[in-house]
N, C-alpha and C. Protein backbone atom coordinates (compact mmCIF):
# COMPACT_ATOMS: atom_id res chain seq x y z
N UNK A 1 -1.73 0.38 -3.38
CA UNK A 1 -1.50 -0.26 -2.10
C UNK A 1 -0.02 -0.43 -1.83
N UNK A 2 0.70 -0.82 -2.87
CA UNK A 2 2.14 -1.00 -2.70
C UNK A 2 2.83 0.33 -2.39
N UNK A 3 2.39 1.40 -3.00
CA UNK A 3 2.99 2.71 -2.73
C UNK A 3 2.77 3.13 -1.29
N UNK A 4 1.58 2.95 -0.81
CA UNK A 4 1.27 3.33 0.57
C UNK A 4 2.08 2.48 1.54
N UNK A 5 2.15 1.19 1.28
CA UNK A 5 2.92 0.32 2.18
C UNK A 5 4.42 0.58 2.08
N UNK A 6 4.91 0.96 0.90
CA UNK A 6 6.32 1.33 0.77
C UNK A 6 6.63 2.57 1.60
N UNK A 7 5.74 3.55 1.56
CA UNK A 7 5.95 4.75 2.37
C UNK A 7 5.90 4.43 3.86
N UNK A 8 5.03 3.52 4.24
CA UNK A 8 4.95 3.11 5.64
C UNK A 8 6.23 2.37 6.05
N UNK A 9 6.72 1.49 5.19
CA UNK A 9 7.97 0.77 5.49
C UNK A 9 9.14 1.74 5.56
N UNK A 10 9.15 2.74 4.71
CA UNK A 10 10.21 3.74 4.74
C UNK A 10 10.18 4.53 6.05
N UNK A 11 8.99 4.86 6.52
CA UNK A 11 8.90 5.57 7.80
C UNK A 11 9.38 4.68 8.94
N UNK A 12 9.10 3.38 8.88
CA UNK A 12 9.60 2.45 9.89
C UNK A 12 11.13 2.40 9.87
N UNK A 13 11.70 2.34 8.67
CA UNK A 13 13.16 2.30 8.55
C UNK A 13 13.79 3.56 9.10
N UNK A 14 13.23 4.71 8.80
CA UNK A 14 13.75 5.98 9.33
C UNK A 14 13.62 6.04 10.85
N UNK A 15 12.50 5.52 11.35
CA UNK A 15 12.29 5.46 12.80
C UNK A 15 13.39 4.63 13.45
N UNK A 16 13.66 3.46 12.91
CA UNK A 16 14.68 2.58 13.49
C UNK A 16 16.06 3.24 13.44
N UNK A 17 16.40 3.82 12.29
CA UNK A 17 17.73 4.41 12.12
C UNK A 17 17.95 5.60 13.05
N UNK A 18 16.93 6.41 13.27
CA UNK A 18 17.11 7.62 14.07
C UNK A 18 16.90 7.37 15.55
N UNK A 19 15.89 6.61 15.90
CA UNK A 19 15.58 6.40 17.31
C UNK A 19 16.46 5.32 17.94
N UNK A 20 16.79 4.29 17.18
CA UNK A 20 17.62 3.19 17.67
C UNK A 20 18.85 3.01 16.77
N UNK A 21 19.78 3.96 16.77
CA UNK A 21 20.90 3.89 15.82
C UNK A 21 21.81 2.68 16.03
N UNK A 22 21.96 2.20 17.24
CA UNK A 22 22.83 1.04 17.47
C UNK A 22 22.17 -0.25 16.95
N UNK A 23 20.89 -0.35 17.12
CA UNK A 23 20.17 -1.52 16.60
C UNK A 23 20.05 -1.48 15.08
N UNK A 24 20.12 -0.28 14.51
CA UNK A 24 19.95 -0.13 13.07
C UNK A 24 21.03 -0.86 12.29
N UNK A 25 22.24 -0.92 12.85
CA UNK A 25 23.32 -1.62 12.17
C UNK A 25 23.02 -3.10 12.03
N UNK A 26 22.31 -3.64 12.99
CA UNK A 26 21.96 -5.06 12.96
C UNK A 26 20.69 -5.29 12.13
N UNK A 27 19.73 -4.40 12.28
CA UNK A 27 18.42 -4.61 11.66
C UNK A 27 18.36 -4.16 10.20
N UNK A 28 19.05 -3.11 9.85
CA UNK A 28 18.96 -2.55 8.50
C UNK A 28 20.06 -3.14 7.61
N UNK A 29 19.89 -4.38 7.26
CA UNK A 29 20.83 -5.07 6.38
C UNK A 29 20.21 -5.24 5.01
N UNK A 30 21.02 -5.62 4.05
CA UNK A 30 20.52 -5.81 2.70
C UNK A 30 19.53 -6.97 2.63
N UNK A 31 19.79 -8.03 3.39
CA UNK A 31 18.86 -9.17 3.36
C UNK A 31 17.50 -8.79 3.98
N UNK A 32 17.53 -8.00 5.06
CA UNK A 32 16.27 -7.53 5.64
C UNK A 32 15.55 -6.57 4.70
N UNK A 33 16.30 -5.79 3.95
CA UNK A 33 15.71 -4.90 2.96
C UNK A 33 14.98 -5.71 1.88
N UNK A 34 15.63 -6.76 1.40
CA UNK A 34 14.99 -7.62 0.40
C UNK A 34 13.73 -8.28 0.96
N UNK A 35 13.83 -8.75 2.19
CA UNK A 35 12.66 -9.37 2.83
C UNK A 35 11.52 -8.37 2.96
N UNK A 36 11.83 -7.15 3.34
CA UNK A 36 10.78 -6.16 3.51
C UNK A 36 10.12 -5.79 2.18
N UNK A 37 10.89 -5.76 1.11
CA UNK A 37 10.30 -5.47 -0.21
C UNK A 37 9.35 -6.60 -0.61
N UNK A 38 9.79 -7.83 -0.43
CA UNK A 38 8.92 -8.97 -0.74
C UNK A 38 7.67 -8.95 0.14
N UNK A 39 7.86 -8.66 1.43
CA UNK A 39 6.74 -8.60 2.36
C UNK A 39 5.74 -7.51 1.95
N UNK A 40 6.25 -6.33 1.60
CA UNK A 40 5.37 -5.23 1.19
C UNK A 40 4.56 -5.62 -0.03
N UNK A 41 5.18 -6.26 -1.01
CA UNK A 41 4.45 -6.64 -2.22
C UNK A 41 3.46 -7.76 -1.95
N UNK A 42 3.80 -8.71 -1.12
CA UNK A 42 2.85 -9.77 -0.78
C UNK A 42 1.64 -9.22 -0.05
N UNK A 43 1.89 -8.38 0.93
CA UNK A 43 0.78 -7.76 1.66
C UNK A 43 -0.05 -6.87 0.74
N UNK A 44 0.59 -6.19 -0.20
CA UNK A 44 -0.14 -5.36 -1.15
C UNK A 44 -1.09 -6.18 -2.00
N UNK A 45 -0.62 -7.32 -2.48
CA UNK A 45 -1.49 -8.19 -3.26
C UNK A 45 -2.65 -8.72 -2.42
N UNK A 46 -2.37 -9.07 -1.19
CA UNK A 46 -3.43 -9.57 -0.31
C UNK A 46 -4.47 -8.49 -0.02
N UNK A 47 -3.99 -7.29 0.31
CA UNK A 47 -4.91 -6.20 0.63
C UNK A 47 -5.68 -5.70 -0.58
N UNK A 48 -5.09 -5.84 -1.77
CA UNK A 48 -5.79 -5.42 -2.99
C UNK A 48 -6.71 -6.52 -3.49
N UNK A 49 -6.68 -7.68 -2.86
CA UNK A 49 -7.48 -8.82 -3.29
C UNK A 49 -8.98 -8.58 -3.35
N UNK A 50 -9.57 -7.87 -2.41
CA UNK A 50 -11.03 -7.69 -2.46
C UNK A 50 -11.53 -7.04 -3.75
N UNK A 51 -10.68 -6.34 -4.46
CA UNK A 51 -11.12 -5.74 -5.72
C UNK A 51 -11.54 -6.82 -6.72
N UNK A 52 -10.96 -8.01 -6.60
CA UNK A 52 -11.32 -9.11 -7.49
C UNK A 52 -12.79 -9.48 -7.33
N UNK A 53 -13.29 -9.37 -6.11
CA UNK A 53 -14.66 -9.76 -5.85
C UNK A 53 -15.68 -8.72 -6.29
N UNK A 54 -15.23 -7.52 -6.60
CA UNK A 54 -16.16 -6.50 -7.07
C UNK A 54 -15.97 -6.20 -8.56
N UNK A 55 -15.15 -7.01 -9.22
CA UNK A 55 -14.93 -6.83 -10.66
C UNK A 55 -15.97 -7.61 -11.46
N UNK A 56 -16.39 -7.02 -12.55
CA UNK A 56 -17.27 -7.69 -13.50
C UNK A 56 -16.72 -7.46 -14.89
N UNK A 57 -17.07 -8.36 -15.79
CA UNK A 57 -16.68 -8.19 -17.18
C UNK A 57 -17.93 -8.09 -18.03
N UNK A 58 -17.79 -7.37 -19.09
CA UNK A 58 -18.88 -7.24 -20.05
C UNK A 58 -18.27 -7.26 -21.44
N UNK A 59 -18.90 -7.98 -22.34
CA UNK A 59 -18.38 -8.10 -23.70
C UNK A 59 -19.23 -7.24 -24.62
N UNK A 60 -18.54 -6.37 -25.33
CA UNK A 60 -19.19 -5.51 -26.31
C UNK A 60 -18.78 -5.97 -27.70
N UNK A 61 -19.72 -5.95 -28.63
CA UNK A 61 -19.42 -6.34 -30.00
C UNK A 61 -19.68 -5.15 -30.91
N UNK A 62 -18.64 -4.80 -31.66
CA UNK A 62 -18.75 -3.72 -32.65
C UNK A 62 -18.50 -4.33 -34.01
N UNK A 63 -19.34 -3.97 -34.96
CA UNK A 63 -19.14 -4.53 -36.30
C UNK A 63 -19.52 -3.50 -37.36
N UNK A 64 -18.87 -3.67 -38.47
CA UNK A 64 -19.23 -2.90 -39.67
C UNK A 64 -19.23 -3.88 -40.84
N UNK A 65 -19.22 -3.37 -42.07
CA UNK A 65 -19.31 -4.25 -43.24
C UNK A 65 -18.07 -5.13 -43.40
N UNK A 66 -16.93 -4.69 -42.92
CA UNK A 66 -15.69 -5.41 -43.15
C UNK A 66 -15.32 -6.38 -42.03
N UNK A 67 -15.55 -6.01 -40.78
CA UNK A 67 -15.12 -6.89 -39.69
C UNK A 67 -15.94 -6.65 -38.43
N UNK A 68 -15.77 -7.59 -37.50
CA UNK A 68 -16.44 -7.52 -36.21
C UNK A 68 -15.36 -7.59 -35.13
N UNK A 69 -15.49 -6.71 -34.15
CA UNK A 69 -14.52 -6.66 -33.05
C UNK A 69 -15.28 -6.89 -31.75
N UNK A 70 -14.73 -7.81 -30.95
CA UNK A 70 -15.30 -8.05 -29.62
C UNK A 70 -14.38 -7.43 -28.59
N UNK A 71 -14.94 -6.68 -27.70
CA UNK A 71 -14.18 -5.99 -26.67
C UNK A 71 -14.64 -6.48 -25.30
N UNK A 72 -13.68 -6.89 -24.50
CA UNK A 72 -13.98 -7.33 -23.14
C UNK A 72 -13.62 -6.19 -22.19
N UNK A 73 -14.60 -5.68 -21.46
CA UNK A 73 -14.38 -4.55 -20.55
C UNK A 73 -14.49 -5.03 -19.11
N UNK A 74 -13.55 -4.57 -18.29
CA UNK A 74 -13.56 -4.87 -16.87
C UNK A 74 -13.95 -3.61 -16.12
N UNK A 75 -14.84 -3.73 -15.19
CA UNK A 75 -15.21 -2.59 -14.37
C UNK A 75 -15.63 -3.09 -12.99
N UNK A 76 -15.66 -2.18 -12.07
CA UNK A 76 -15.99 -2.54 -10.69
C UNK A 76 -17.48 -2.32 -10.44
N UNK A 77 -18.12 -3.34 -9.94
CA UNK A 77 -19.51 -3.20 -9.50
C UNK A 77 -19.50 -2.82 -8.03
N UNK A 78 -20.54 -2.29 -7.57
CA UNK A 78 -20.69 -1.96 -6.15
C UNK A 78 -19.55 -1.11 -5.62
N UNK A 79 -19.00 -0.24 -6.43
CA UNK A 79 -17.93 0.63 -5.94
C UNK A 79 -18.46 1.61 -4.90
N UNK A 80 -19.76 1.83 -4.91
CA UNK A 80 -20.34 2.75 -3.94
C UNK A 80 -20.77 2.03 -2.67
N UNK A 81 -20.46 0.75 -2.57
CA UNK A 81 -20.81 -0.01 -1.37
C UNK A 81 -20.09 0.59 -0.17
N UNK A 82 -20.84 0.80 0.90
CA UNK A 82 -20.28 1.41 2.10
C UNK A 82 -19.17 0.55 2.70
N UNK A 83 -19.35 -0.77 2.69
CA UNK A 83 -18.34 -1.66 3.25
C UNK A 83 -17.04 -1.60 2.46
N UNK A 84 -17.16 -1.59 1.15
CA UNK A 84 -15.96 -1.53 0.31
C UNK A 84 -15.25 -0.19 0.47
N UNK A 85 -16.02 0.88 0.52
CA UNK A 85 -15.42 2.20 0.71
C UNK A 85 -14.76 2.33 2.08
N UNK A 86 -15.37 1.75 3.10
CA UNK A 86 -14.77 1.78 4.44
C UNK A 86 -13.49 0.96 4.47
N UNK A 87 -13.50 -0.18 3.78
CA UNK A 87 -12.30 -1.01 3.70
C UNK A 87 -11.16 -0.23 3.05
N UNK A 88 -11.45 0.41 1.92
CA UNK A 88 -10.41 1.18 1.24
C UNK A 88 -9.93 2.34 2.10
N UNK A 89 -10.84 3.01 2.78
CA UNK A 89 -10.46 4.13 3.63
C UNK A 89 -9.54 3.67 4.77
N UNK A 90 -9.92 2.59 5.42
CA UNK A 90 -9.12 2.10 6.55
C UNK A 90 -7.78 1.54 6.10
N UNK A 91 -7.81 0.64 5.12
CA UNK A 91 -6.60 -0.08 4.72
C UNK A 91 -5.63 0.80 3.95
N UNK A 92 -6.15 1.63 3.07
CA UNK A 92 -5.28 2.40 2.20
C UNK A 92 -4.99 3.81 2.69
N UNK A 93 -5.68 4.24 3.73
CA UNK A 93 -5.42 5.61 4.19
C UNK A 93 -5.22 5.71 5.70
N UNK A 94 -6.23 5.39 6.47
CA UNK A 94 -6.18 5.69 7.90
C UNK A 94 -5.11 4.90 8.66
N UNK A 95 -5.08 3.59 8.48
CA UNK A 95 -4.10 2.78 9.22
C UNK A 95 -2.67 3.17 8.84
N UNK A 96 -2.32 3.22 7.54
CA UNK A 96 -0.95 3.65 7.22
C UNK A 96 -0.65 5.08 7.67
N UNK A 97 -1.63 5.97 7.58
CA UNK A 97 -1.40 7.36 8.00
C UNK A 97 -1.11 7.43 9.50
N UNK A 98 -1.86 6.71 10.30
CA UNK A 98 -1.64 6.72 11.74
C UNK A 98 -0.28 6.12 12.08
N UNK A 99 0.07 5.03 11.42
CA UNK A 99 1.38 4.40 11.67
C UNK A 99 2.51 5.36 11.30
N UNK A 100 2.40 6.02 10.15
CA UNK A 100 3.44 6.98 9.74
C UNK A 100 3.50 8.17 10.68
N UNK A 101 2.36 8.65 11.14
CA UNK A 101 2.34 9.77 12.08
C UNK A 101 3.04 9.39 13.37
N UNK A 102 2.78 8.20 13.86
CA UNK A 102 3.44 7.74 15.09
C UNK A 102 4.95 7.64 14.90
N UNK A 103 5.38 7.01 13.80
CA UNK A 103 6.82 6.87 13.56
C UNK A 103 7.50 8.22 13.40
N UNK A 104 6.92 9.10 12.58
CA UNK A 104 7.56 10.40 12.36
C UNK A 104 7.49 11.29 13.60
N UNK A 105 6.45 11.16 14.41
CA UNK A 105 6.40 11.92 15.66
C UNK A 105 7.53 11.48 16.59
N UNK A 106 7.78 10.19 16.65
CA UNK A 106 8.89 9.69 17.48
C UNK A 106 10.23 10.17 16.93
N UNK A 107 10.37 10.20 15.61
CA UNK A 107 11.61 10.68 15.00
C UNK A 107 11.81 12.16 15.32
N UNK A 108 10.76 12.95 15.17
CA UNK A 108 10.86 14.39 15.45
C UNK A 108 11.18 14.62 16.92
N UNK A 109 10.53 13.86 17.81
CA UNK A 109 10.80 14.00 19.24
C UNK A 109 12.26 13.67 19.55
N UNK A 110 12.77 12.62 18.94
CA UNK A 110 14.16 12.22 19.17
C UNK A 110 15.13 13.27 18.62
N UNK A 111 14.87 13.77 17.44
CA UNK A 111 15.74 14.81 16.88
C UNK A 111 15.66 16.10 17.69
N UNK A 112 14.48 16.46 18.14
CA UNK A 112 14.31 17.65 18.96
C UNK A 112 15.07 17.52 20.27
N UNK A 113 14.97 16.33 20.88
CA UNK A 113 15.65 16.09 22.16
C UNK A 113 17.16 16.12 21.99
N UNK A 114 17.67 15.63 20.89
CA UNK A 114 19.11 15.59 20.67
C UNK A 114 19.70 16.93 20.28
N UNK A 115 18.89 17.84 19.80
CA UNK A 115 19.42 19.16 19.44
C UNK A 115 19.50 20.09 20.64
N UNK A 116 18.81 19.78 21.72
CA UNK A 116 18.83 20.65 22.91
C UNK A 116 19.71 20.11 23.98
């Protein structure tokens, strides 16, 4: 989630720098960069939160003559749930992809217009 949102934030930054170069000097500062990194990670944790509700644990016990080992395994239940799959598709793919397409299309249009 963080990788997808980082790529989306990067496309926003490129959009601002190329389409609005005068505003970029004001908007693209180091403090805003730090804020955006924190924002991306916070949103990533929030968007990845539903995975907690589909996690289950199971304890396995292995033993032989000398010792016994208990293993705690985490796995996702209901991974084939249509709602969960739709959530992952929308949040992790479609929405960021559409946003990046819009930003990069505007960048390409601006660069194309400036070269002619």
